[in-house]
Amino acid sequence: MRIGYYNFDDAMKLSHPVTPRSITTPIKSLCNDLVPNAQPIFLSVTPVSNAKISDCFVVVKQQIAKHGGTACYGWQIWELPSVFIEAEFHAVWRSPDDQLEDITPKNVPIQRILFLPDPNRIYEGCQIANERRSLSQNPVVIGYFKVWDAEFELMNRGSRAYQHGDIVLNLDERREYDEIQRQKAVLQSKLLPLVPEIGRNDPCWCGSGKKLKKCHSK
């Protein structure tokens, strides 16, 4: 999950999904499709030090080895406001006193996540594709989904589904990858006008509860 934004004098526009501010009807529908009758919950992000960014499965495994507890698998829910919602397979730590904690460092400061526990899934080394739902009737959104799906298929083709770290592509695959990135950049630029601006007095996208102007406005 990557996050960015475009900063203007009095507002900003997100260019990548963030934690939803509330559990909306579309989010409830997506969660019910993934885990019937389950309820998503907001969890604070308390990253452990010296851990690899976004590598939740390794981070949680290391935490269990040091402090006990278990892994809780499920879905991290993201939203690009007014455009789409997305579910990313994720692991959080269940401490010995039965508290769920998201201990994995993020690539930007995030104060909380929306997490849907999924008791029917475990992580077995194979990558799991994100689930997405459009919040817009704009065909650009569907095209954007298809490009992301094409990238996932390429990067997890064959034995690569179980590989981690740097991925080696042959020449034809590299050309395929470059074309996917070109299409993604074009479509992403077309998504930006669909995203509402965040005013300086609106809650910050990071989930801190502060106004944007007193948090991530710069």
Protein backbone atom coordinates (compact mmCIF):
# COMPACT_ATOMS: atom_id res chain seq x y z
CA MET A 1 0.00 0.00 0.00
CA ARG A 2 1.47 3.32 -1.08
CA ILE A 3 0.28 6.74 -0.03
CA GLY A 4 0.83 10.14 -1.56
CA TYR A 5 -0.91 13.45 -1.88
CA TYR A 6 -0.97 16.67 -3.83
CA ASN A 7 -0.68 19.74 -1.62
CA PHE A 8 -2.40 23.00 -2.50
CA ASP A 9 -2.52 26.34 -0.63
CA ASP A 10 -5.67 25.55 1.36
CA ALA A 11 -6.32 21.86 0.73
CA MET A 12 -4.79 18.61 -0.43
CA LYS A 13 -5.80 15.68 -2.58
CA LEU A 14 -4.87 12.13 -1.81
CA SER A 15 -3.41 10.10 -4.64
CA HIS A 16 -3.43 6.72 -2.88
CA PRO A 17 -5.77 4.91 -0.47
CA VAL A 18 -5.79 5.65 3.27
CA THR A 19 -7.59 4.31 6.33
CA PRO A 20 -11.33 5.05 6.04
CA ARG A 21 -12.67 7.64 8.48
CA SER A 22 -15.78 5.55 9.16
CA ILE A 23 -17.33 2.19 8.34
CA THR A 24 -19.61 3.04 5.45
CA THR A 25 -22.21 0.88 3.71
CA PRO A 26 -19.85 -0.02 0.81
CA ILE A 27 -17.19 -1.03 3.32
CA LYS A 28 -19.69 -3.18 5.20
CA SER A 29 -20.64 -4.84 1.92
CA LEU A 30 -17.02 -5.56 0.98
CA CYS A 31 -16.31 -6.96 4.44
CA ASN A 32 -19.39 -9.19 4.31
CA ASP A 33 -18.25 -10.56 0.94
CA LEU A 34 -14.87 -11.43 2.45
CA VAL A 35 -16.01 -12.71 5.85
CA PRO A 36 -19.80 -13.06 6.20
CA ASN A 37 -21.24 -11.49 9.36
CA ALA A 38 -17.83 -10.33 10.60
CA GLN A 39 -17.23 -6.77 11.80
CA PRO A 40 -14.17 -4.66 10.94
CA ILE A 41 -12.45 -2.88 13.81
CA PHE A 42 -10.15 0.11 14.09
CA LEU A 43 -6.72 -0.75 15.50
CA SER A 44 -3.97 1.62 16.57
CA VAL A 45 -0.65 1.25 14.77
CA THR A 46 2.19 0.70 17.24
CA PRO A 47 5.14 -0.36 15.06
CA VAL A 48 8.01 -2.27 16.57
CA SER A 49 11.44 -0.77 16.07
CA ASN A 50 13.96 -2.01 13.51
CA ALA A 51 11.33 -4.00 11.61
CA LYS A 52 10.92 -4.12 7.85
CA ILE A 53 8.27 -1.76 6.48
CA SER A 54 5.00 -3.45 5.40
CA ASP A 55 6.38 -6.99 5.96
CA CYS A 56 3.58 -7.89 8.37
CA PHE A 57 3.90 -11.68 8.26
CA VAL A 58 7.60 -11.65 9.18
CA VAL A 59 7.17 -8.87 11.76
CA VAL A 60 4.35 -10.70 13.55
CA LYS A 61 6.26 -14.01 13.48
CA GLN A 62 9.28 -12.34 15.08
CA GLN A 63 7.09 -10.70 17.73
CA ILE A 64 5.57 -14.06 18.65
CA ALA A 65 9.04 -15.59 19.01
CA LYS A 66 10.06 -12.81 21.42
CA HIS A 67 6.89 -12.17 23.38
CA GLY A 68 4.46 -15.02 22.76
CA GLY A 69 0.94 -14.56 21.50
CA THR A 70 -0.38 -15.56 18.08
CA ALA A 71 -0.96 -14.16 14.61
CA CYS A 72 -4.39 -12.90 13.62
CA TYR A 73 -4.93 -12.91 9.87
CA GLY A 74 -7.44 -10.78 8.05
CA TRP A 75 -7.88 -7.79 5.79
CA GLN A 76 -6.63 -4.25 6.08
CA ILE A 77 -9.28 -1.96 4.57
CA TRP A 78 -8.25 1.12 2.58
CA GLU A 79 -10.20 3.84 0.81
CA LEU A 80 -9.49 6.39 -1.88
CA PRO A 81 -12.40 8.68 -1.01
CA SER A 82 -15.22 8.75 -3.59
CA VAL A 83 -13.24 6.45 -5.91
CA PHE A 84 -12.71 2.95 -4.50
CA ILE A 85 -12.21 0.79 -1.42
CA GLU A 86 -9.64 -1.96 -1.15
CA ALA A 87 -8.93 -4.95 1.11
CA GLU A 88 -5.32 -6.09 1.58
CA PHE A 89 -4.48 -9.40 3.26
CA HIS A 90 -2.69 -8.58 6.50
CA ALA A 91 -1.49 -9.96 9.82
CA VAL A 92 -1.67 -8.35 13.24
CA TRP A 93 -0.34 -9.58 16.57
CA ARG A 94 -2.64 -11.05 19.22
CA SER A 95 -0.80 -10.49 22.49
CA PRO A 96 -0.83 -13.05 25.35
CA ASP A 97 -3.52 -10.95 27.05
CA ASP A 98 -5.71 -11.25 23.90
CA GLN A 99 -5.21 -7.71 22.57
CA LEU A 100 -4.91 -7.12 18.82
CA GLU A 101 -2.10 -4.79 17.76
CA ASP A 102 -0.88 -3.71 14.35
CA ILE A 103 2.87 -3.70 14.96
CA THR A 104 4.09 -3.47 11.36
CA PRO A 105 5.80 -0.21 10.32
CA LYS A 106 4.15 1.67 7.44
CA ASN A 107 5.81 3.60 4.65
CA VAL A 108 4.17 6.79 5.96
CA PRO A 109 2.87 7.73 9.42
CA ILE A 110 -0.51 6.05 9.95
CA GLN A 111 -2.17 6.25 13.35
CA ARG A 112 -4.73 3.50 12.86
CA ILE A 113 -5.98 0.89 10.41
CA LEU A 114 -9.38 -0.65 9.75
CA PHE A 115 -8.95 -4.41 10.13
CA LEU A 116 -11.30 -7.29 9.34
CA PRO A 117 -10.29 -10.55 11.10
CA ASP A 118 -10.64 -13.60 8.86
CA PRO A 119 -10.64 -16.87 10.83
CA ASN A 120 -10.86 -18.90 7.62
CA ARG A 121 -7.48 -17.84 6.22
CA ILE A 122 -3.87 -18.32 7.22
CA TYR A 123 -0.68 -17.20 5.54
CA GLU A 124 1.22 -20.05 3.87
CA GLY A 125 3.79 -18.07 1.92
CA CYS A 126 1.65 -17.54 -1.19
CA GLN A 127 0.74 -13.96 -2.06
CA ILE A 128 -2.97 -13.09 -1.96
CA ALA A 129 -4.41 -10.49 -4.31
CA ASN A 130 -6.16 -7.40 -3.01
CA GLU A 131 -9.94 -7.13 -3.32
CA ARG A 132 -11.31 -3.86 -4.69
CA ARG A 133 -14.72 -2.26 -5.10
CA SER A 134 -15.49 0.87 -7.10
CA LEU A 135 -17.25 3.83 -5.50
CA SER A 136 -17.52 5.58 -8.86
CA GLN A 137 -19.25 4.80 -12.13
CA ASN A 138 -16.26 6.16 -14.02
CA PRO A 139 -14.78 3.43 -16.30
CA VAL A 140 -11.30 4.70 -15.46
CA VAL A 141 -11.65 3.06 -12.04
CA ILE A 142 -12.37 -0.36 -13.55
CA GLY A 143 -9.45 0.05 -15.93
CA TYR A 144 -7.25 0.91 -12.97
CA PHE A 145 -8.31 -2.29 -11.22
CA LYS A 146 -7.46 -4.36 -14.30
CA VAL A 147 -3.96 -2.88 -14.50
CA TRP A 148 -3.31 -3.67 -10.82
CA ASP A 149 -4.59 -7.22 -11.39
CA ALA A 150 -2.26 -7.57 -14.39
CA GLU A 151 0.70 -6.47 -12.28
CA PHE A 152 -0.18 -8.94 -9.52
CA GLU A 153 -0.49 -11.78 -12.02
CA LEU A 154 2.89 -10.95 -13.56
CA MET A 155 4.75 -10.57 -10.27
CA ASN A 156 3.23 -13.78 -8.87
CA ARG A 157 3.35 -15.90 -12.01
CA GLY A 158 4.30 -19.53 -11.41
CA SER A 159 6.81 -20.10 -8.61
CA ARG A 160 7.07 -16.35 -8.01
CA ALA A 161 3.86 -16.59 -5.98
CA TYR A 162 6.04 -17.90 -3.13
CA GLN A 163 9.02 -15.63 -3.68
CA HIS A 164 9.82 -12.58 -1.56
CA GLY A 165 12.14 -9.65 -1.94
CA ASP A 166 13.61 -8.84 -5.35
CA ILE A 167 11.85 -10.50 -8.30
CA VAL A 168 13.77 -11.42 -11.46
CA LEU A 169 11.96 -10.91 -14.76
CA ASN A 170 13.08 -12.03 -18.19
CA LEU A 171 13.27 -9.54 -21.06
CA ASP A 172 9.71 -10.09 -22.30
CA GLU A 173 8.34 -9.88 -18.77
CA ARG A 174 10.27 -6.67 -18.17
CA ARG A 175 8.64 -5.13 -21.20
CA GLU A 176 5.27 -6.32 -19.93
CA TYR A 177 6.01 -4.79 -16.53
CA ASP A 178 7.07 -1.45 -18.05
CA GLU A 179 3.85 -1.28 -20.09
CA ILE A 180 1.79 -2.00 -16.98
CA GLN A 181 3.54 0.84 -15.14
CA ARG A 182 2.90 3.19 -18.06
CA GLN A 183 -0.81 2.34 -18.09
CA LYS A 184 -1.00 2.65 -14.31
CA ALA A 185 0.52 6.14 -14.36
CA VAL A 186 -1.91 7.30 -17.05
CA LEU A 187 -4.94 5.93 -15.22
CA GLN A 188 -3.81 7.22 -11.86
CA SER A 189 -3.58 10.74 -13.27
CA LYS A 190 -7.18 10.39 -14.47
CA LEU A 191 -8.34 9.26 -11.02
CA LEU A 192 -7.11 12.40 -9.27
CA PRO A 193 -9.97 14.66 -10.44
CA LEU A 194 -12.44 12.18 -8.89
CA VAL A 195 -10.96 12.58 -5.40
CA PRO A 196 -12.41 15.37 -3.22
CA GLU A 197 -10.04 17.88 -1.67
CA ILE A 198 -9.27 17.68 2.04
CA GLY A 199 -9.65 21.12 3.58
CA ARG A 200 -7.18 22.45 6.12
CA ASN A 201 -9.85 22.22 8.83
CA ASP A 202 -10.87 18.66 7.93
CA PRO A 203 -9.58 15.66 9.93
CA CYS A 204 -6.14 14.58 8.75
CA TRP A 205 -6.00 11.47 6.57
CA CYS A 206 -3.51 9.76 8.95
CA GLY A 207 -6.20 9.13 11.59
CA SER A 208 -4.58 11.23 14.32
CA GLY A 209 -7.84 13.06 15.04
CA LYS A 210 -6.12 16.41 14.46
CA LYS A 211 -7.09 18.89 11.78
CA LEU A 212 -5.10 18.63 8.57
CA LYS A 213 -3.48 22.05 9.10
CA LYS A 214 -2.06 20.89 12.44
CA CYS A 215 -0.90 17.51 11.20
CA HIS A 216 0.15 16.47 7.66
CA SER A 217 -0.56 19.68 5.76
CA LYS A 218 3.14 20.04 4.92
